[in-house]
Amino acid sequence: SSGINAEYGGEHTERKMVDWLVDNIPTTASVVDLGTGNGHLLAELVEEGFTNLTGVDYSASSVALARAVNEGNSVNFFCRDILEPVASSAERFDVCVDKGTYDAISLSATSSKDRVRYKTGLLSLLSPSPSARFLLASVNWTVSELREFFTDIFEVEEVLPTKQFTFGGVTGQDVSIIAFRHLSPQTGS
């Protein structure tokens, strides 16, 4: 792993996410990285041939770093708060990717309200198509907790296998990585 990318949830989380995208999503699909940070995940997707990539982060310094990391790549970066819904349907994406942003929002003093705002903001960014995907990595939430929270707008397409551990007789995972499929209006949203 390069020094510029502190891996989230273990050293293989980002690679698992990239591999899932490569195996399941056309390289021409529009992909947005929510809370892009240094933009490393998008740089990895460029290397895999993805061509329609965007990173958003509320931090202007993170956006500047992401632009530097991706210099020479055709990746768009924007400074915006994903808790605020997007009004323009022109800013809709086929795939939303989150590696740690939902967790950070979940730790805020207003997390109950902010988690709902996150879901609303996510829906405003995601294409309404049933082929739209949301790929989420979390170290704070279990697969069942994430499934329960997002079940009104998504169905679980795949739970990516991750390292397991046992503590106090209970088995868990070091990170939960879930690929969600957007529910179409006909089937349940």
N, C-alpha and C. Protein backbone atom coordinates (compact mmCIF):
# COMPACT_ATOMS: atom_id res chain seq x y z
N SER A 1 0.84 -1.18 0.00
CA SER A 1 0.00 0.00 0.00
C SER A 1 0.88 1.25 0.00
N SER A 2 0.50 2.23 -0.78
CA SER A 2 1.30 3.45 -0.85
C SER A 2 1.09 4.30 0.39
N GLY A 3 2.07 5.12 0.69
CA GLY A 3 1.99 5.97 1.87
C GLY A 3 0.89 7.00 1.81
N ILE A 4 0.42 7.34 0.59
CA ILE A 4 -0.59 8.37 0.48
C ILE A 4 -1.98 7.85 0.82
N ASN A 5 -2.16 6.54 0.91
CA ASN A 5 -3.48 5.98 1.16
C ASN A 5 -3.49 5.14 2.42
N ALA A 6 -4.00 5.71 3.50
CA ALA A 6 -4.19 4.92 4.71
C ALA A 6 -5.43 4.08 4.49
N GLU A 7 -5.24 2.78 4.36
CA GLU A 7 -6.36 1.90 4.04
C GLU A 7 -7.38 1.92 5.17
N TYR A 8 -8.64 1.92 4.80
CA TYR A 8 -9.75 2.00 5.74
C TYR A 8 -10.29 0.60 5.99
N GLY A 9 -10.34 0.18 7.24
CA GLY A 9 -10.92 -1.11 7.57
C GLY A 9 -10.03 -2.27 7.21
N GLY A 10 -8.73 -2.09 7.20
CA GLY A 10 -7.83 -3.17 6.83
C GLY A 10 -7.25 -2.91 5.46
N GLU A 11 -6.15 -3.55 5.20
CA GLU A 11 -5.41 -3.22 3.98
C GLU A 11 -6.08 -3.64 2.69
N HIS A 12 -7.07 -4.51 2.76
CA HIS A 12 -7.66 -5.01 1.52
C HIS A 12 -9.03 -4.42 1.20
N THR A 13 -9.55 -3.54 2.02
CA THR A 13 -10.90 -3.01 1.80
C THR A 13 -11.03 -2.32 0.45
N GLU A 14 -10.16 -1.38 0.17
CA GLU A 14 -10.24 -0.65 -1.09
C GLU A 14 -10.09 -1.60 -2.28
N ARG A 15 -9.15 -2.55 -2.18
CA ARG A 15 -8.95 -3.49 -3.29
C ARG A 15 -10.19 -4.34 -3.52
N LYS A 16 -10.85 -4.79 -2.45
CA LYS A 16 -12.08 -5.56 -2.58
C LYS A 16 -13.16 -4.74 -3.28
N MET A 17 -13.25 -3.46 -2.93
CA MET A 17 -14.25 -2.59 -3.53
C MET A 17 -13.95 -2.39 -5.02
N VAL A 18 -12.70 -2.11 -5.33
CA VAL A 18 -12.31 -1.92 -6.74
C VAL A 18 -12.56 -3.19 -7.53
N ASP A 19 -12.17 -4.34 -6.99
CA ASP A 19 -12.38 -5.60 -7.69
C ASP A 19 -13.86 -5.86 -7.93
N TRP A 20 -14.71 -5.56 -6.94
CA TRP A 20 -16.15 -5.76 -7.14
C TRP A 20 -16.66 -4.86 -8.27
N LEU A 21 -16.23 -3.62 -8.27
CA LEU A 21 -16.66 -2.69 -9.33
C LEU A 21 -16.21 -3.20 -10.70
N VAL A 22 -14.96 -3.65 -10.80
CA VAL A 22 -14.43 -4.16 -12.07
C VAL A 22 -15.26 -5.36 -12.53
N ASP A 23 -15.62 -6.24 -11.62
CA ASP A 23 -16.36 -7.46 -11.98
C ASP A 23 -17.84 -7.24 -12.26
N ASN A 24 -18.42 -6.14 -11.77
CA ASN A 24 -19.87 -5.98 -11.83
C ASN A 24 -20.40 -4.72 -12.51
N ILE A 25 -19.53 -3.77 -12.79
CA ILE A 25 -19.98 -2.47 -13.30
C ILE A 25 -19.25 -2.16 -14.60
N PRO A 26 -19.96 -1.71 -15.65
CA PRO A 26 -19.27 -1.32 -16.88
C PRO A 26 -18.31 -0.16 -16.63
N THR A 27 -17.18 -0.16 -17.30
CA THR A 27 -16.18 0.90 -17.09
C THR A 27 -16.68 2.26 -17.56
N THR A 28 -17.77 2.30 -18.32
CA THR A 28 -18.34 3.57 -18.77
C THR A 28 -19.39 4.12 -17.80
N ALA A 29 -19.75 3.35 -16.76
CA ALA A 29 -20.75 3.80 -15.79
C ALA A 29 -20.25 5.03 -15.05
N SER A 30 -21.17 5.91 -14.69
CA SER A 30 -20.80 7.08 -13.89
C SER A 30 -20.72 6.67 -12.43
N VAL A 31 -19.55 6.93 -11.82
CA VAL A 31 -19.28 6.52 -10.44
C VAL A 31 -18.91 7.75 -9.63
N VAL A 32 -19.52 7.89 -8.45
CA VAL A 32 -19.15 8.97 -7.54
C VAL A 32 -18.65 8.36 -6.24
N ASP A 33 -17.54 8.89 -5.75
CA ASP A 33 -16.94 8.49 -4.48
C ASP A 33 -17.35 9.52 -3.44
N LEU A 34 -18.18 9.10 -2.48
CA LEU A 34 -18.69 10.01 -1.45
C LEU A 34 -17.66 10.15 -0.34
N GLY A 35 -17.22 11.38 -0.08
CA GLY A 35 -16.16 11.59 0.90
C GLY A 35 -14.86 11.07 0.34
N THR A 36 -14.49 11.54 -0.81
CA THR A 36 -13.38 10.98 -1.59
C THR A 36 -12.02 11.08 -0.90
N GLY A 37 -11.88 12.00 0.06
CA GLY A 37 -10.59 12.12 0.74
C GLY A 37 -9.49 12.42 -0.26
N ASN A 38 -8.46 11.56 -0.31
CA ASN A 38 -7.34 11.81 -1.23
C ASN A 38 -7.59 11.31 -2.65
N GLY A 39 -8.76 10.73 -2.91
CA GLY A 39 -9.10 10.30 -4.26
C GLY A 39 -8.41 9.04 -4.73
N HIS A 40 -7.76 8.32 -3.82
CA HIS A 40 -6.99 7.13 -4.21
C HIS A 40 -7.86 6.05 -4.83
N LEU A 41 -9.05 5.82 -4.28
CA LEU A 41 -9.94 4.81 -4.83
C LEU A 41 -10.25 5.12 -6.30
N LEU A 42 -10.48 6.38 -6.61
CA LEU A 42 -10.77 6.76 -8.00
C LEU A 42 -9.54 6.60 -8.88
N ALA A 43 -8.35 6.87 -8.35
CA ALA A 43 -7.12 6.64 -9.11
C ALA A 43 -6.99 5.15 -9.46
N GLU A 44 -7.37 4.29 -8.53
CA GLU A 44 -7.34 2.84 -8.79
C GLU A 44 -8.34 2.48 -9.88
N LEU A 45 -9.52 3.11 -9.87
CA LEU A 45 -10.51 2.82 -10.91
C LEU A 45 -10.06 3.32 -12.28
N VAL A 46 -9.34 4.44 -12.32
CA VAL A 46 -8.76 4.91 -13.59
C VAL A 46 -7.83 3.84 -14.14
N GLU A 47 -6.99 3.28 -13.27
CA GLU A 47 -6.06 2.23 -13.70
C GLU A 47 -6.79 1.00 -14.23
N GLU A 48 -8.02 0.79 -13.77
CA GLU A 48 -8.82 -0.36 -14.22
C GLU A 48 -9.65 -0.03 -15.46
N GLY A 49 -9.51 1.21 -15.99
CA GLY A 49 -10.19 1.57 -17.23
C GLY A 49 -11.50 2.32 -17.08
N PHE A 50 -11.89 2.68 -15.86
CA PHE A 50 -13.12 3.45 -15.67
C PHE A 50 -12.91 4.87 -16.19
N THR A 51 -13.94 5.41 -16.83
CA THR A 51 -13.78 6.67 -17.55
C THR A 51 -14.69 7.80 -17.10
N ASN A 52 -15.67 7.52 -16.23
CA ASN A 52 -16.65 8.54 -15.85
C ASN A 52 -16.70 8.63 -14.32
N LEU A 53 -15.66 9.25 -13.74
CA LEU A 53 -15.46 9.23 -12.30
C LEU A 53 -15.55 10.62 -11.68
N THR A 54 -16.17 10.68 -10.50
CA THR A 54 -16.31 11.93 -9.76
C THR A 54 -16.06 11.66 -8.28
N GLY A 55 -15.38 12.57 -7.63
CA GLY A 55 -15.20 12.51 -6.19
C GLY A 55 -15.79 13.75 -5.54
N VAL A 56 -16.49 13.56 -4.44
CA VAL A 56 -17.03 14.70 -3.69
C VAL A 56 -16.57 14.60 -2.24
N ASP A 57 -16.28 15.74 -1.65
CA ASP A 57 -15.87 15.80 -0.25
C ASP A 57 -16.24 17.18 0.27
N TYR A 58 -16.61 17.25 1.55
CA TYR A 58 -16.96 18.55 2.14
C TYR A 58 -15.72 19.39 2.43
N SER A 59 -14.54 18.77 2.42
CA SER A 59 -13.30 19.45 2.75
C SER A 59 -12.58 19.95 1.50
N ALA A 60 -12.41 21.24 1.40
CA ALA A 60 -11.72 21.82 0.25
C ALA A 60 -10.27 21.32 0.18
N SER A 61 -9.62 21.12 1.32
CA SER A 61 -8.23 20.63 1.29
C SER A 61 -8.18 19.18 0.81
N SER A 62 -9.18 18.38 1.13
CA SER A 62 -9.23 17.01 0.61
C SER A 62 -9.43 17.01 -0.90
N VAL A 63 -10.28 17.88 -1.38
CA VAL A 63 -10.51 17.98 -2.83
C VAL A 63 -9.22 18.41 -3.53
N ALA A 64 -8.50 19.36 -2.94
CA ALA A 64 -7.22 19.80 -3.53
C ALA A 64 -6.22 18.65 -3.56
N LEU A 65 -6.14 17.87 -2.48
CA LEU A 65 -5.24 16.72 -2.44
C LEU A 65 -5.65 15.67 -3.47
N ALA A 66 -6.95 15.40 -3.57
CA ALA A 66 -7.44 14.41 -4.54
C ALA A 66 -7.10 14.84 -5.96
N ARG A 67 -7.22 16.12 -6.25
CA ARG A 67 -6.85 16.62 -7.59
C ARG A 67 -5.37 16.40 -7.84
N ALA A 68 -4.54 16.62 -6.81
CA ALA A 68 -3.09 16.41 -6.96
C ALA A 68 -2.76 14.93 -7.17
N VAL A 69 -3.40 14.05 -6.39
CA VAL A 69 -3.17 12.62 -6.52
C VAL A 69 -3.58 12.13 -7.91
N ASN A 70 -4.64 12.73 -8.45
CA ASN A 70 -5.18 12.31 -9.73
C ASN A 70 -4.76 13.21 -10.89
N GLU A 71 -3.70 13.98 -10.71
CA GLU A 71 -3.23 14.86 -11.78
C GLU A 71 -2.97 14.03 -13.04
N GLY A 72 -3.51 14.49 -14.14
CA GLY A 72 -3.35 13.77 -15.40
C GLY A 72 -4.48 12.78 -15.66
N ASN A 73 -5.27 12.46 -14.64
CA ASN A 73 -6.44 11.59 -14.81
C ASN A 73 -7.65 12.46 -15.11
N SER A 74 -8.58 11.93 -15.85
CA SER A 74 -9.80 12.69 -16.15
C SER A 74 -10.88 12.38 -15.12
N VAL A 75 -10.61 12.77 -13.87
CA VAL A 75 -11.54 12.58 -12.76
C VAL A 75 -12.00 13.96 -12.31
N ASN A 76 -13.29 14.11 -12.08
CA ASN A 76 -13.84 15.37 -11.59
C ASN A 76 -13.93 15.33 -10.07
N PHE A 77 -13.57 16.45 -9.44
CA PHE A 77 -13.67 16.55 -7.99
C PHE A 77 -14.43 17.82 -7.63
N PHE A 78 -15.34 17.69 -6.65
CA PHE A 78 -16.15 18.82 -6.22
C PHE A 78 -16.21 18.86 -4.70
N CYS A 79 -16.22 20.08 -4.19
CA CYS A 79 -16.40 20.30 -2.76
C CYS A 79 -17.89 20.49 -2.52
N ARG A 80 -18.48 19.53 -1.79
CA ARG A 80 -19.90 19.65 -1.46
C ARG A 80 -20.23 18.79 -0.25
N ASP A 81 -21.28 19.19 0.43
CA ASP A 81 -21.77 18.47 1.59
C ASP A 81 -22.80 17.45 1.13
N ILE A 82 -22.50 16.16 1.26
CA ILE A 82 -23.41 15.14 0.76
C ILE A 82 -24.67 15.00 1.62
N LEU A 83 -24.71 15.69 2.76
CA LEU A 83 -25.92 15.68 3.57
C LEU A 83 -26.99 16.61 3.00
N GLU A 84 -26.60 17.41 2.03
CA GLU A 84 -27.55 18.31 1.36
C GLU A 84 -27.95 17.70 0.03
N PRO A 85 -29.23 17.43 -0.18
CA PRO A 85 -29.67 16.83 -1.44
C PRO A 85 -29.33 17.71 -2.64
N VAL A 86 -29.06 17.04 -3.76
CA VAL A 86 -28.75 17.72 -5.02
C VAL A 86 -30.06 17.95 -5.76
N ALA A 87 -30.26 19.17 -6.25
CA ALA A 87 -31.50 19.49 -6.94
C ALA A 87 -31.47 19.06 -8.41
N SER A 88 -30.31 19.08 -9.01
CA SER A 88 -30.19 18.83 -10.45
C SER A 88 -30.11 17.33 -10.76
N SER A 89 -30.98 16.88 -11.66
CA SER A 89 -30.92 15.48 -12.07
C SER A 89 -29.70 15.23 -12.95
N ALA A 90 -29.02 16.29 -13.40
CA ALA A 90 -27.80 16.14 -14.19
C ALA A 90 -26.66 15.59 -13.34
N GLU A 91 -26.79 15.69 -12.02
CA GLU A 91 -25.75 15.21 -11.10
C GLU A 91 -26.09 13.83 -10.56
N ARG A 92 -26.72 12.98 -11.34
CA ARG A 92 -27.08 11.63 -10.92
C ARG A 92 -26.02 10.64 -11.41
N PHE A 93 -25.76 9.61 -10.62
CA PHE A 93 -24.71 8.65 -10.93
C PHE A 93 -25.26 7.23 -10.94
N ASP A 94 -24.61 6.38 -11.73
CA ASP A 94 -24.98 4.96 -11.79
C ASP A 94 -24.55 4.22 -10.53
N VAL A 95 -23.43 4.66 -9.95
CA VAL A 95 -22.87 3.98 -8.78
C VAL A 95 -22.38 5.03 -7.78
N CYS A 96 -22.74 4.84 -6.52
CA CYS A 96 -22.19 5.64 -5.42
C CYS A 96 -21.33 4.70 -4.58
N VAL A 97 -20.13 5.15 -4.23
CA VAL A 97 -19.18 4.37 -3.45
C VAL A 97 -18.86 5.14 -2.17
N ASP A 98 -18.84 4.44 -1.04
CA ASP A 98 -18.53 5.08 0.23
C ASP A 98 -17.62 4.17 1.04
N LYS A 99 -16.44 4.67 1.35
CA LYS A 99 -15.46 3.95 2.16
C LYS A 99 -15.12 4.80 3.38
N GLY A 100 -16.06 4.86 4.33
CA GLY A 100 -15.79 5.55 5.59
C GLY A 100 -16.60 6.79 5.87
N THR A 101 -17.24 7.36 4.87
CA THR A 101 -17.99 8.60 5.10
C THR A 101 -19.24 8.37 5.94
N TYR A 102 -19.97 7.32 5.64
CA TYR A 102 -21.16 7.00 6.45
C TYR A 102 -20.76 6.77 7.90
N ASP A 103 -19.63 6.10 8.11
CA ASP A 103 -19.14 5.88 9.47
C ASP A 103 -18.85 7.20 10.18
N ALA A 104 -18.18 8.11 9.48
CA ALA A 104 -17.84 9.41 10.08
C ALA A 104 -19.11 10.17 10.45
N ILE A 105 -20.09 10.15 9.57
CA ILE A 105 -21.36 10.82 9.84
C ILE A 105 -22.06 10.17 11.04
N SER A 106 -21.93 8.87 11.15
CA SER A 106 -22.56 8.12 12.24
C SER A 106 -21.98 8.46 13.61
N LEU A 107 -20.79 9.03 13.63
CA LEU A 107 -20.14 9.38 14.89
C LEU A 107 -20.40 10.81 15.33
N SER A 108 -21.14 11.57 14.53
CA SER A 108 -21.40 12.97 14.88
C SER A 108 -22.37 13.06 16.05
N ALA A 109 -22.38 14.20 16.69
CA ALA A 109 -23.29 14.42 17.82
C ALA A 109 -24.76 14.36 17.38
N THR A 110 -25.00 14.62 16.11
CA THR A 110 -26.37 14.62 15.57
C THR A 110 -26.56 13.43 14.61
N SER A 111 -25.96 12.30 14.94
CA SER A 111 -25.90 11.17 14.01
C SER A 111 -27.28 10.63 13.60
N SER A 112 -28.24 10.59 14.49
CA SER A 112 -29.56 10.06 14.12
C SER A 112 -30.15 10.86 12.97
N LYS A 113 -30.11 12.17 13.10
CA LYS A 113 -30.63 13.05 12.06
C LYS A 113 -29.73 13.01 10.83
N ASP A 114 -28.42 13.01 11.03
CA ASP A 114 -27.47 13.06 9.92
C ASP A 114 -27.49 11.78 9.08
N ARG A 115 -27.73 10.63 9.71
CA ARG A 115 -27.81 9.39 8.95
C ARG A 115 -29.00 9.42 7.99
N VAL A 116 -30.11 9.99 8.43
CA VAL A 116 -31.29 10.14 7.56
C VAL A 116 -30.97 11.14 6.45
N ARG A 117 -30.30 12.23 6.79
CA ARG A 117 -29.90 13.21 5.77
C ARG A 117 -28.93 12.60 4.77
N TYR A 118 -28.05 11.72 5.24
CA TYR A 118 -27.12 11.02 4.36
C TYR A 118 -27.91 10.20 3.33
N LYS A 119 -28.90 9.47 3.82
CA LYS A 119 -29.70 8.63 2.92
C LYS A 119 -30.42 9.49 1.88
N THR A 120 -30.96 10.62 2.30
CA THR A 120 -31.64 11.54 1.37
C THR A 120 -30.66 12.10 0.35
N GLY A 121 -29.47 12.51 0.83
CA GLY A 121 -28.44 13.02 -0.08
C GLY A 121 -27.97 11.96 -1.06
N LEU A 122 -27.80 10.74 -0.56
CA LEU A 122 -27.40 9.61 -1.41
C LEU A 122 -28.43 9.40 -2.51
N LEU A 123 -29.70 9.36 -2.16
CA LEU A 123 -30.76 9.16 -3.16
C LEU A 123 -30.78 10.26 -4.20
N SER A 124 -30.43 11.49 -3.79
CA SER A 124 -30.44 12.60 -4.74
C SER A 124 -29.28 12.50 -5.73
N LEU A 125 -28.24 11.76 -5.37
CA LEU A 125 -27.07 11.58 -6.25
C LEU A 125 -27.18 10.34 -7.13
N LEU A 126 -27.94 9.36 -6.68
CA LEU A 126 -28.00 8.08 -7.37
C LEU A 126 -29.09 8.09 -8.43
N SER A 127 -28.77 7.53 -9.57
CA SER A 127 -29.77 7.37 -10.63
C SER A 127 -30.96 6.60 -10.08
N PRO A 128 -32.18 6.96 -10.50
CA PRO A 128 -33.36 6.23 -10.03
C PRO A 128 -33.52 4.86 -10.68
N SER A 129 -32.63 4.50 -11.56
CA SER A 129 -32.70 3.23 -12.28
C SER A 129 -32.49 2.05 -11.33
N PRO A 130 -33.20 0.92 -11.56
CA PRO A 130 -32.97 -0.27 -10.74
C PRO A 130 -31.58 -0.87 -10.97
N SER A 131 -30.87 -0.41 -11.98
CA SER A 131 -29.50 -0.90 -12.19
C SER A 131 -28.48 -0.10 -11.37
N ALA A 132 -28.93 0.96 -10.69
CA ALA A 132 -28.03 1.78 -9.88
C ALA A 132 -27.53 0.98 -8.68
N ARG A 133 -26.29 1.24 -8.29
CA ARG A 133 -25.66 0.51 -7.19
C ARG A 133 -25.09 1.47 -6.15
N PHE A 134 -25.00 0.95 -4.93
CA PHE A 134 -24.37 1.66 -3.81
C PHE A 134 -23.45 0.66 -3.15
N LEU A 135 -22.15 0.95 -3.16
CA LEU A 135 -21.14 0.08 -2.57
C LEU A 135 -20.61 0.76 -1.32
N LEU A 136 -20.82 0.13 -0.17
CA LEU A 136 -20.53 0.74 1.13
C LEU A 136 -19.60 -0.13 1.96
N ALA A 137 -18.55 0.50 2.51
CA ALA A 137 -17.66 -0.17 3.47
C ALA A 137 -17.80 0.54 4.81
N SER A 138 -17.99 -0.26 5.87
CA SER A 138 -18.16 0.30 7.21
C SER A 138 -17.41 -0.53 8.23
N VAL A 139 -16.72 0.15 9.13
CA VAL A 139 -16.10 -0.54 10.26
C VAL A 139 -16.93 -0.37 11.53
N ASN A 140 -17.94 0.48 11.48
CA ASN A 140 -18.77 0.76 12.66
C ASN A 140 -20.08 0.00 12.70
N TRP A 141 -20.54 -0.50 11.56
CA TRP A 141 -21.86 -1.11 11.46
C TRP A 141 -21.74 -2.53 10.94
N THR A 142 -22.57 -3.42 11.46
CA THR A 142 -22.59 -4.80 10.96
C THR A 142 -23.41 -4.86 9.67
N VAL A 143 -23.25 -5.96 8.95
CA VAL A 143 -24.03 -6.15 7.73
C VAL A 143 -25.52 -6.08 8.04
N SER A 144 -25.96 -6.73 9.11
CA SER A 144 -27.39 -6.72 9.42
C SER A 144 -27.89 -5.32 9.78
N GLU A 145 -27.08 -4.53 10.49
CA GLU A 145 -27.48 -3.15 10.81
C GLU A 145 -27.58 -2.30 9.56
N LEU A 146 -26.63 -2.45 8.65
CA LEU A 146 -26.66 -1.67 7.40
C LEU A 146 -27.84 -2.09 6.54
N ARG A 147 -28.05 -3.39 6.45
CA ARG A 147 -29.19 -3.91 5.67
C ARG A 147 -30.49 -3.32 6.22
N GLU A 148 -30.65 -3.32 7.54
CA GLU A 148 -31.87 -2.80 8.17
C GLU A 148 -32.05 -1.31 7.87
N PHE A 149 -30.99 -0.52 7.97
CA PHE A 149 -31.11 0.93 7.78
C PHE A 149 -31.43 1.29 6.33
N PHE A 150 -30.85 0.57 5.38
CA PHE A 150 -31.01 0.93 3.98
C PHE A 150 -32.08 0.12 3.24
N THR A 151 -32.77 -0.77 3.94
CA THR A 151 -33.70 -1.70 3.28
C THR A 151 -34.88 -1.01 2.59
N ASP A 152 -35.23 0.19 2.99
CA ASP A 152 -36.35 0.88 2.35
C ASP A 152 -36.02 1.39 0.95
N ILE A 153 -34.73 1.53 0.63
CA ILE A 153 -34.36 2.04 -0.69
C ILE A 153 -33.45 1.11 -1.48
N PHE A 154 -32.90 0.09 -0.81
CA PHE A 154 -31.97 -0.83 -1.47
C PHE A 154 -32.26 -2.26 -1.07
N GLU A 155 -31.85 -3.16 -1.95
CA GLU A 155 -31.78 -4.58 -1.58
C GLU A 155 -30.31 -4.96 -1.65
N VAL A 156 -29.91 -5.90 -0.82
CA VAL A 156 -28.53 -6.36 -0.81
C VAL A 156 -28.28 -7.21 -2.04
N GLU A 157 -27.33 -6.82 -2.84
CA GLU A 157 -26.93 -7.61 -3.99
C GLU A 157 -25.86 -8.62 -3.60
N GLU A 158 -24.89 -8.14 -2.81
CA GLU A 158 -23.80 -9.02 -2.39
C GLU A 158 -23.13 -8.47 -1.14
N VAL A 159 -22.79 -9.36 -0.24
CA VAL A 159 -21.96 -9.01 0.91
C VAL A 159 -20.57 -9.55 0.59
N LEU A 160 -19.60 -8.65 0.51
CA LEU A 160 -18.25 -9.07 0.15
C LEU A 160 -17.58 -9.73 1.35
N PRO A 161 -16.91 -10.85 1.13
CA PRO A 161 -16.25 -11.53 2.25
C PRO A 161 -15.07 -10.71 2.77
N THR A 162 -14.98 -10.64 4.09
CA THR A 162 -13.88 -9.92 4.73
C THR A 162 -13.35 -10.75 5.89
N LYS A 163 -12.25 -10.30 6.46
CA LYS A 163 -11.61 -11.00 7.57
C LYS A 163 -12.56 -11.07 8.77
N GLN A 164 -12.64 -12.27 9.35
CA GLN A 164 -13.48 -12.45 10.53
C GLN A 164 -12.62 -12.61 11.77
N PHE A 165 -13.23 -12.31 12.93
CA PHE A 165 -12.56 -12.48 14.22
C PHE A 165 -13.60 -12.91 15.23
N THR A 166 -13.15 -13.49 16.33
CA THR A 166 -14.05 -13.88 17.41
C THR A 166 -13.59 -13.20 18.68
N PHE A 167 -14.54 -12.60 19.39
CA PHE A 167 -14.27 -11.92 20.64
C PHE A 167 -15.43 -12.21 21.58
N GLY A 168 -15.13 -12.71 22.74
CA GLY A 168 -16.18 -13.01 23.71
C GLY A 168 -17.18 -14.04 23.20
N GLY A 169 -16.71 -14.93 22.36
CA GLY A 169 -17.57 -15.97 21.82
C GLY A 169 -18.45 -15.56 20.66
N VAL A 170 -18.33 -14.29 20.23
CA VAL A 170 -19.12 -13.78 19.10
C VAL A 170 -18.19 -13.56 17.92
N THR A 171 -18.61 -14.04 16.75
CA THR A 171 -17.81 -13.85 15.53
C THR A 171 -18.30 -12.62 14.80
N GLY A 172 -17.35 -11.81 14.36
CA GLY A 172 -17.66 -10.59 13.61
C GLY A 172 -16.69 -10.41 12.47
N GLN A 173 -16.83 -9.29 11.78
CA GLN A 173 -15.95 -8.95 10.66
C GLN A 173 -15.20 -7.67 10.99
N ASP A 174 -14.00 -7.52 10.42
CA ASP A 174 -13.26 -6.29 10.64
C ASP A 174 -13.87 -5.12 9.88
N VAL A 175 -14.55 -5.42 8.78
CA VAL A 175 -15.23 -4.39 7.99
C VAL A 175 -16.41 -5.05 7.28
N SER A 176 -17.50 -4.31 7.17
CA SER A 176 -18.66 -4.76 6.41
C SER A 176 -18.63 -4.06 5.06
N ILE A 177 -18.64 -4.84 3.99
CA ILE A 177 -18.68 -4.27 2.64
C ILE A 177 -19.90 -4.86 1.95
N ILE A 178 -20.81 -3.99 1.57
CA ILE A 178 -22.07 -4.43 0.97
C ILE A 178 -22.30 -3.72 -0.36
N ALA A 179 -22.67 -4.50 -1.36
CA ALA A 179 -23.13 -3.95 -2.63
C ALA A 179 -24.65 -3.98 -2.60
N PHE A 180 -25.24 -2.80 -2.66
CA PHE A 180 -26.69 -2.66 -2.67
C PHE A 180 -27.17 -2.36 -4.09
N ARG A 181 -28.35 -2.85 -4.41
CA ARG A 181 -29.02 -2.54 -5.67
C ARG A 181 -30.20 -1.62 -5.34
N HIS A 182 -30.36 -0.57 -6.12
CA HIS A 182 -31.44 0.38 -5.92
C HIS A 182 -32.79 -0.30 -6.19
N LEU A 183 -33.73 -0.12 -5.29
CA LEU A 183 -35.07 -0.64 -5.52
C LEU A 183 -35.77 0.22 -6.54
N SER A 184 -36.37 -0.39 -7.52
CA SER A 184 -37.11 0.40 -8.50
C SER A 184 -38.42 0.82 -7.87
N PRO A 185 -39.03 1.91 -8.37
CA PRO A 185 -40.31 2.36 -7.80
C PRO A 185 -41.38 1.27 -7.86
N GLN A 186 -41.31 0.37 -8.85
CA GLN A 186 -42.31 -0.68 -8.97
C GLN A 186 -42.15 -1.74 -7.88
N THR A 187 -40.92 -1.97 -7.40
CA THR A 187 -40.70 -3.05 -6.45
C THR A 187 -40.59 -2.61 -5.01
N GLY A 188 -40.56 -1.31 -4.76
CA GLY A 188 -40.56 -1.03 -3.34
C GLY A 188 -40.00 0.25 -2.82
N SER A 189 -39.84 1.33 -3.53
CA SER A 189 -39.31 2.49 -2.83
C SER A 189 -40.36 3.47 -2.46
